[in-house]
Amino acid sequence: MLRRFLFVGLGGSGGKTLRYLRRDLLAWLHSVGWEGDDLPVGWQMLHIDSPTQQDGQEIRDVEMLPARS
């Protein structure tokens, strides 16, 4: 059974960290047989920053965080 988690990223670096964490968690879940397309509903990510648009679009190897989940 999976536990609920809230991952919080503060500022631009925190958002980029959440992107890498999300990518790695999805890869791990798929390697252990997870059949969903996204993270479990109980795993939420919150990025807090002052800009209205996510920065870091120059990082092409990790997709942007979804606007809502």
PDB file of N, CA and C in Angstrom:
ATOM      1  N   MET A   1       0.844  -1.175   0.000  1.00  0.00           N
ATOM      2  CA  MET A   1       0.000   0.000   0.000  1.00  0.00           C
ATOM      3  C   MET A   1       0.893   1.243   0.000  1.00  0.00           C
ATOM      4  N   LEU A   2       0.540   2.197  -0.827  1.00  0.00           N
ATOM      5  CA  LEU A   2       1.313   3.427  -0.929  1.00  0.00           C
ATOM      6  C   LEU A   2       0.798   4.461   0.066  1.00  0.00           C
ATOM      7  N   ARG A   3       1.708   5.238   0.613  1.00  0.00           N
ATOM      8  CA  ARG A   3       1.331   6.338   1.507  1.00  0.00           C
ATOM      9  C   ARG A   3       1.130   7.608   0.713  1.00  0.00           C
ATOM     10  N   ARG A   4       0.387   8.522   1.288  1.00  0.00           N
ATOM     11  CA  ARG A   4       0.185   9.826   0.663  1.00  0.00           C
ATOM     12  C   ARG A   4       1.408  10.706   0.895  1.00  0.00           C
ATOM     13  N   PHE A   5       1.744  11.488  -0.126  1.00  0.00           N
ATOM     14  CA  PHE A   5       2.871  12.410  -0.021  1.00  0.00           C
ATOM     15  C   PHE A   5       2.507  13.734  -0.666  1.00  0.00           C
ATOM     16  N   LEU A   6       3.012  14.798  -0.101  1.00  0.00           N
ATOM     17  CA  LEU A   6       2.943  16.120  -0.708  1.00  0.00           C
ATOM     18  C   LEU A   6       4.380  16.601  -0.835  1.00  0.00           C
ATOM     19  N   PHE A   7       4.843  16.732  -2.063  1.00  0.00           N
ATOM     20  CA  PHE A   7       6.182  17.225  -2.338  1.00  0.00           C
ATOM     21  C   PHE A   7       6.068  18.714  -2.639  1.00  0.00           C
ATOM     22  N   VAL A   8       6.846  19.539  -1.948  1.00  0.00           N
ATOM     23  CA  VAL A   8       6.769  20.984  -2.110  1.00  0.00           C
ATOM     24  C   VAL A   8       8.105  21.497  -2.635  1.00  0.00           C
ATOM     25  N   GLY A   9       8.046  22.263  -3.711  1.00  0.00           N
ATOM     26  CA  GLY A   9       9.230  22.894  -4.273  1.00  0.00           C
ATOM     27  C   GLY A   9       9.076  24.406  -4.182  1.00  0.00           C
ATOM     28  N   LEU A  10      10.070  25.069  -3.628  1.00  0.00           N
ATOM     29  CA  LEU A  10      10.026  26.528  -3.473  1.00  0.00           C
ATOM     30  C   LEU A  10      10.993  27.181  -4.450  1.00  0.00           C
ATOM     31  N   GLY A  11      10.484  28.159  -5.189  1.00  0.00           N
ATOM     32  CA  GLY A  11      11.319  28.897  -6.124  1.00  0.00           C
ATOM     33  C   GLY A  11      11.612  28.113  -7.386  1.00  0.00           C
ATOM     34  N   GLY A  12      12.409  28.709  -8.255  1.00  0.00           N
ATOM     35  CA  GLY A  12      12.747  28.076  -9.525  1.00  0.00           C
ATOM     36  C   GLY A  12      13.473  26.755  -9.368  1.00  0.00           C
ATOM     37  N   SER A  13      14.440  26.703  -8.480  1.00  0.00           N
ATOM     38  CA  SER A  13      15.183  25.454  -8.262  1.00  0.00           C
ATOM     39  C   SER A  13      14.290  24.372  -7.680  1.00  0.00           C
ATOM     40  N   GLY A  14      13.367  24.774  -6.815  1.00  0.00           N
ATOM     41  CA  GLY A  14      12.436  23.807  -6.241  1.00  0.00           C
ATOM     42  C   GLY A  14      11.529  23.206  -7.301  1.00  0.00           C
ATOM     43  N   GLY A  15      11.088  24.026  -8.259  1.00  0.00           N
ATOM     44  CA  GLY A  15      10.267  23.531  -9.358  1.00  0.00           C
ATOM     45  C   GLY A  15      11.028  22.574 -10.253  1.00  0.00           C
ATOM     46  N   LYS A  16      12.277  22.909 -10.547  1.00  0.00           N
ATOM     47  CA  LYS A  16      13.108  22.022 -11.367  1.00  0.00           C
ATOM     48  C   LYS A  16      13.362  20.706 -10.646  1.00  0.00           C
ATOM     49  N   THR A  17      13.580  20.771  -9.339  1.00  0.00           N
ATOM     50  CA  THR A  17      13.772  19.553  -8.549  1.00  0.00           C
ATOM     51  C   THR A  17      12.528  18.681  -8.605  1.00  0.00           C
ATOM     52  N   LEU A  18      11.347  19.287  -8.495  1.00  0.00           N
ATOM     53  CA  LEU A  18      10.100  18.516  -8.594  1.00  0.00           C
ATOM     54  C   LEU A  18       9.964  17.852  -9.954  1.00  0.00           C
ATOM     55  N   ARG A  19      10.393  18.514 -11.010  1.00  0.00           N
ATOM     56  CA  ARG A  19      10.317  17.922 -12.347  1.00  0.00           C
ATOM     57  C   ARG A  19      11.167  16.666 -12.443  1.00  0.00           C
ATOM     58  N   TYR A  20      12.395  16.732 -11.935  1.00  0.00           N
ATOM     59  CA  TYR A  20      13.262  15.554 -11.957  1.00  0.00           C
ATOM     60  C   TYR A  20      12.711  14.453 -11.043  1.00  0.00           C
ATOM     61  N   LEU A  21      12.210  14.847  -9.888  1.00  0.00           N
ATOM     62  CA  LEU A  21      11.633  13.872  -8.964  1.00  0.00           C
ATOM     63  C   LEU A  21      10.446  13.165  -9.602  1.00  0.00           C
ATOM     64  N   ARG A  22       9.563  13.925 -10.248  1.00  0.00           N
ATOM     65  CA  ARG A  22       8.394  13.343 -10.920  1.00  0.00           C
ATOM     66  C   ARG A  22       8.823  12.358 -12.000  1.00  0.00           C
ATOM     67  N   ARG A  23       9.800  12.763 -12.817  1.00  0.00           N
ATOM     68  CA  ARG A  23      10.300  11.872 -13.876  1.00  0.00           C
ATOM     69  C   ARG A  23      10.840  10.578 -13.296  1.00  0.00           C
ATOM     70  N   ASP A  24      11.648  10.688 -12.242  1.00  0.00           N
ATOM     71  CA  ASP A  24      12.260   9.504 -11.650  1.00  0.00           C
ATOM     72  C   ASP A  24      11.237   8.627 -10.930  1.00  0.00           C
ATOM     73  N   LEU A  25      10.267   9.242 -10.272  1.00  0.00           N
ATOM     74  CA  LEU A  25       9.218   8.454  -9.621  1.00  0.00           C
ATOM     75  C   LEU A  25       8.375   7.696 -10.644  1.00  0.00           C
ATOM     76  N   LEU A  26       8.027   8.342 -11.759  1.00  0.00           N
ATOM     77  CA  LEU A  26       7.271   7.657 -12.805  1.00  0.00           C
ATOM     78  C   LEU A  26       8.058   6.485 -13.384  1.00  0.00           C
ATOM     79  N   ALA A  27       9.353   6.689 -13.603  1.00  0.00           N
ATOM     80  CA  ALA A  27      10.197   5.600 -14.122  1.00  0.00           C
ATOM     81  C   ALA A  27      10.236   4.446 -13.127  1.00  0.00           C
ATOM     82  N   TRP A  28      10.386   4.751 -11.847  1.00  0.00           N
ATOM     83  CA  TRP A  28      10.421   3.694 -10.825  1.00  0.00           C
ATOM     84  C   TRP A  28       9.089   2.959 -10.758  1.00  0.00           C
ATOM     85  N   LEU A  29       7.986   3.717 -10.761  1.00  0.00           N
ATOM     86  CA  LEU A  29       6.668   3.077 -10.700  1.00  0.00           C
ATOM     87  C   LEU A  29       6.451   2.138 -11.879  1.00  0.00           C
ATOM     88  N   HIS A  30       6.823   2.567 -13.075  1.00  0.00           N
ATOM     89  CA  HIS A  30       6.653   1.701 -14.245  1.00  0.00           C
ATOM     90  C   HIS A  30       7.551   0.475 -14.162  1.00  0.00           C
ATOM     91  N   SER A  31       8.733   0.613 -13.554  1.00  0.00           N
ATOM     92  CA  SER A  31       9.638  -0.539 -13.440  1.00  0.00           C
ATOM     93  C   SER A  31       9.116  -1.590 -12.469  1.00  0.00           C
ATOM     94  N   VAL A  32       8.242  -1.199 -11.552  1.00  0.00           N
ATOM     95  CA  VAL A  32       7.677  -2.165 -10.597  1.00  0.00           C
ATOM     96  C   VAL A  32       6.247  -2.566 -10.969  1.00  0.00           C
ATOM     97  N   GLY A  33       5.817  -2.202 -12.193  1.00  0.00           N
ATOM     98  CA  GLY A  33       4.535  -2.668 -12.689  1.00  0.00           C
ATOM     99  C   GLY A  33       3.370  -1.701 -12.601  1.00  0.00           C
ATOM    100  N   TRP A  34       3.605  -0.454 -12.275  1.00  0.00           N
ATOM    101  CA  TRP A  34       2.531   0.542 -12.222  1.00  0.00           C
ATOM    102  C   TRP A  34       1.972   0.729 -13.621  1.00  0.00           C
ATOM    103  N   GLU A  35       0.658   0.667 -13.746  1.00  0.00           N
ATOM    104  CA  GLU A  35       0.024   0.751 -15.059  1.00  0.00           C
ATOM    105  C   GLU A  35      -0.580   2.123 -15.347  1.00  0.00           C
ATOM    106  N   GLY A  36      -0.543   3.024 -14.397  1.00  0.00           N
ATOM    107  CA  GLY A  36      -1.108   4.350 -14.608  1.00  0.00           C
ATOM    108  C   GLY A  36      -0.220   5.223 -15.477  1.00  0.00           C
ATOM    109  N   ASP A  37      -0.809   6.270 -16.038  1.00  0.00           N
ATOM    110  CA  ASP A  37      -0.051   7.214 -16.869  1.00  0.00           C
ATOM    111  C   ASP A  37       0.583   8.330 -16.051  1.00  0.00           C
ATOM    112  N   ASP A  38       0.145   8.481 -14.816  1.00  0.00           N
ATOM    113  CA  ASP A  38       0.650   9.562 -13.973  1.00  0.00           C
ATOM    114  C   ASP A  38       0.905   9.013 -12.573  1.00  0.00           C
ATOM    115  N   LEU A  39       1.369   9.886 -11.694  1.00  0.00           N
ATOM    116  CA  LEU A  39       1.619   9.492 -10.310  1.00  0.00           C
ATOM    117  C   LEU A  39       0.312   9.098  -9.632  1.00  0.00           C
ATOM    118  N   PRO A  40       0.387   8.289  -8.582  1.00  0.00           N
ATOM    119  CA  PRO A  40      -0.821   7.976  -7.824  1.00  0.00           C
ATOM    120  C   PRO A  40      -1.485   9.262  -7.322  1.00  0.00           C
ATOM    121  N   VAL A  41      -2.803   9.239  -7.194  1.00  0.00           N
ATOM    122  CA  VAL A  41      -3.558  10.430  -6.797  1.00  0.00           C
ATOM    123  C   VAL A  41      -3.097  10.958  -5.439  1.00  0.00           C
ATOM    124  N   GLY A  42      -2.672  10.090  -4.561  1.00  0.00           N
ATOM    125  CA  GLY A  42      -2.229  10.502  -3.224  1.00  0.00           C
ATOM    126  C   GLY A  42      -0.851  11.141  -3.198  1.00  0.00           C
ATOM    127  N   TRP A  43      -0.173  11.174  -4.325  1.00  0.00           N
ATOM    128  CA  TRP A  43       1.137  11.820  -4.423  1.00  0.00           C
ATOM    129  C   TRP A  43       0.936  13.131  -5.176  1.00  0.00           C
ATOM    130  N   GLN A  44       1.047  14.236  -4.492  1.00  0.00           N
ATOM    131  CA  GLN A  44       0.832  15.544  -5.086  1.00  0.00           C
ATOM    132  C   GLN A  44       2.118  16.358  -5.045  1.00  0.00           C
ATOM    133  N   MET A  45       2.272  17.234  -6.020  1.00  0.00           N
ATOM    134  CA  MET A  45       3.422  18.129  -6.083  1.00  0.00           C
ATOM    135  C   MET A  45       2.920  19.559  -6.118  1.00  0.00           C
ATOM    136  N   LEU A  46       3.526  20.398  -5.306  1.00  0.00           N
ATOM    137  CA  LEU A  46       3.155  21.797  -5.224  1.00  0.00           C
ATOM    138  C   LEU A  46       4.395  22.644  -5.437  1.00  0.00           C
ATOM    139  N   HIS A  47       4.355  23.476  -6.463  1.00  0.00           N
ATOM    140  CA  HIS A  47       5.469  24.374  -6.766  1.00  0.00           C
ATOM    141  C   HIS A  47       5.026  25.784  -6.408  1.00  0.00           C
ATOM    142  N   ILE A  48       5.733  26.411  -5.476  1.00  0.00           N
ATOM    143  CA  ILE A  48       5.415  27.775  -5.036  1.00  0.00           C
ATOM    144  C   ILE A  48       6.510  28.705  -5.521  1.00  0.00           C
ATOM    145  N   ASP A  49       6.099  29.699  -6.309  1.00  0.00           N
ATOM    146  CA  ASP A  49       7.046  30.666  -6.855  1.00  0.00           C
ATOM    147  C   ASP A  49       6.265  31.926  -7.215  1.00  0.00           C
ATOM    148  N   SER A  50       6.940  33.039  -7.396  1.00  0.00           N
ATOM    149  CA  SER A  50       6.251  34.286  -7.713  1.00  0.00           C
ATOM    150  C   SER A  50       5.975  34.504  -9.207  1.00  0.00           C
ATOM    151  N   PRO A  51       6.777  33.964 -10.150  1.00  0.00           N
ATOM    152  CA  PRO A  51       6.440  34.159 -11.562  1.00  0.00           C
ATOM    153  C   PRO A  51       5.128  33.448 -11.923  1.00  0.00           C
ATOM    154  N   THR A  52       4.434  33.969 -12.924  1.00  0.00           N
ATOM    155  CA  THR A  52       3.173  33.356 -13.344  1.00  0.00           C
ATOM    156  C   THR A  52       3.385  32.204 -14.328  1.00  0.00           C
ATOM    157  N   GLN A  53       4.580  32.081 -14.896  1.00  0.00           N
ATOM    158  CA  GLN A  53       4.930  30.995 -15.811  1.00  0.00           C
ATOM    159  C   GLN A  53       6.104  30.223 -15.227  1.00  0.00           C
ATOM    160  N   GLN A  54       6.101  28.891 -15.400  1.00  0.00           N
ATOM    161  CA  GLN A  54       7.240  28.091 -14.939  1.00  0.00           C
ATOM    162  C   GLN A  54       8.482  28.472 -15.731  1.00  0.00           C
ATOM    163  N   ASP A  55       9.599  28.594 -15.037  1.00  0.00           N
ATOM    164  CA  ASP A  55      10.846  28.831 -15.748  1.00  0.00           C
ATOM    165  C   ASP A  55      11.548  27.495 -15.947  1.00  0.00           C
ATOM    166  N   GLY A  56      12.678  27.523 -16.608  1.00  0.00           N
ATOM    167  CA  GLY A  56      13.450  26.304 -16.825  1.00  0.00           C
ATOM    168  C   GLY A  56      13.060  25.560 -18.084  1.00  0.00           C
ATOM    169  N   GLN A  57      12.420  26.236 -19.024  1.00  0.00           N
ATOM    170  CA  GLN A  57      12.033  25.555 -20.256  1.00  0.00           C
ATOM    171  C   GLN A  57      13.237  25.179 -21.108  1.00  0.00           C
ATOM    172  N   GLU A  58      14.406  25.711 -20.764  1.00  0.00           N
ATOM    173  CA  GLU A  58      15.624  25.346 -21.497  1.00  0.00           C
ATOM    174  C   GLU A  58      16.071  23.923 -21.172  1.00  0.00           C
ATOM    175  N   ILE A  59      15.540  23.348 -20.097  1.00  0.00           N
ATOM    176  CA  ILE A  59      15.856  21.961 -19.734  1.00  0.00           C
ATOM    177  C   ILE A  59      14.928  21.068 -20.543  1.00  0.00           C
ATOM    178  N   ARG A  60      15.447  20.441 -21.563  1.00  0.00           N
ATOM    179  CA  ARG A  60      14.615  19.686 -22.504  1.00  0.00           C
ATOM    180  C   ARG A  60      14.435  18.219 -22.101  1.00  0.00           C
ATOM    181  N   ASP A  61      15.301  17.683 -21.224  1.00  0.00           N
ATOM    182  CA  ASP A  61      15.239  16.252 -20.916  1.00  0.00           C
ATOM    183  C   ASP A  61      14.187  15.904 -19.854  1.00  0.00           C
ATOM    184  N   VAL A  62      13.531  16.925 -19.274  1.00  0.00           N
ATOM    185  CA  VAL A  62      12.495  16.691 -18.275  1.00  0.00           C
ATOM    186  C   VAL A  62      11.298  17.574 -18.621  1.00  0.00           C
ATOM    187  N   GLU A  63      10.097  16.965 -18.729  1.00  0.00           N
ATOM    188  CA  GLU A  63       8.919  17.753 -19.094  1.00  0.00           C
ATOM    189  C   GLU A  63       8.499  18.678 -17.968  1.00  0.00           C
ATOM    190  N   MET A  64       7.753  19.712 -18.325  1.00  0.00           N
ATOM    191  CA  MET A  64       7.259  20.677 -17.354  1.00  0.00           C
ATOM    192  C   MET A  64       6.234  20.010 -16.447  1.00  0.00           C
ATOM    193  N   LEU A  65       6.069  20.539 -15.237  1.00  0.00           N
ATOM    194  CA  LEU A  65       5.054  20.020 -14.329  1.00  0.00           C
ATOM    195  C   LEU A  65       3.664  20.343 -14.881  1.00  0.00           C
ATOM    196  N   PRO A  66       2.703  19.438 -14.685  1.00  0.00           N
ATOM    197  CA  PRO A  66       1.353  19.757 -15.152  1.00  0.00           C
ATOM    198  C   PRO A  66       0.778  20.929 -14.355  1.00  0.00           C
ATOM    199  N   ALA A  67      -0.075  21.708 -15.001  1.00  0.00           N
ATOM    200  CA  ALA A  67      -0.673  22.869 -14.331  1.00  0.00           C
ATOM    201  C   ALA A  67      -1.571  22.433 -13.188  1.00  0.00           C
ATOM    202  N   ARG A  68      -2.266  21.348 -13.340  1.00  0.00           N
ATOM    203  CA  ARG A  68      -3.138  20.794 -12.304  1.00  0.00           C
ATOM    204  C   ARG A  68      -3.046  19.287 -12.335  1.00  0.00           C
ATOM    205  N   SER A  69      -3.273  18.687 -11.188  1.00  0.00           N
ATOM    206  CA  SER A  69      -3.337  17.221 -11.162  1.00  0.00           C
ATOM    207  C   SER A  69      -4.318  16.775 -10.121  1.00  0.00           C
TER     208      SER A  69
END
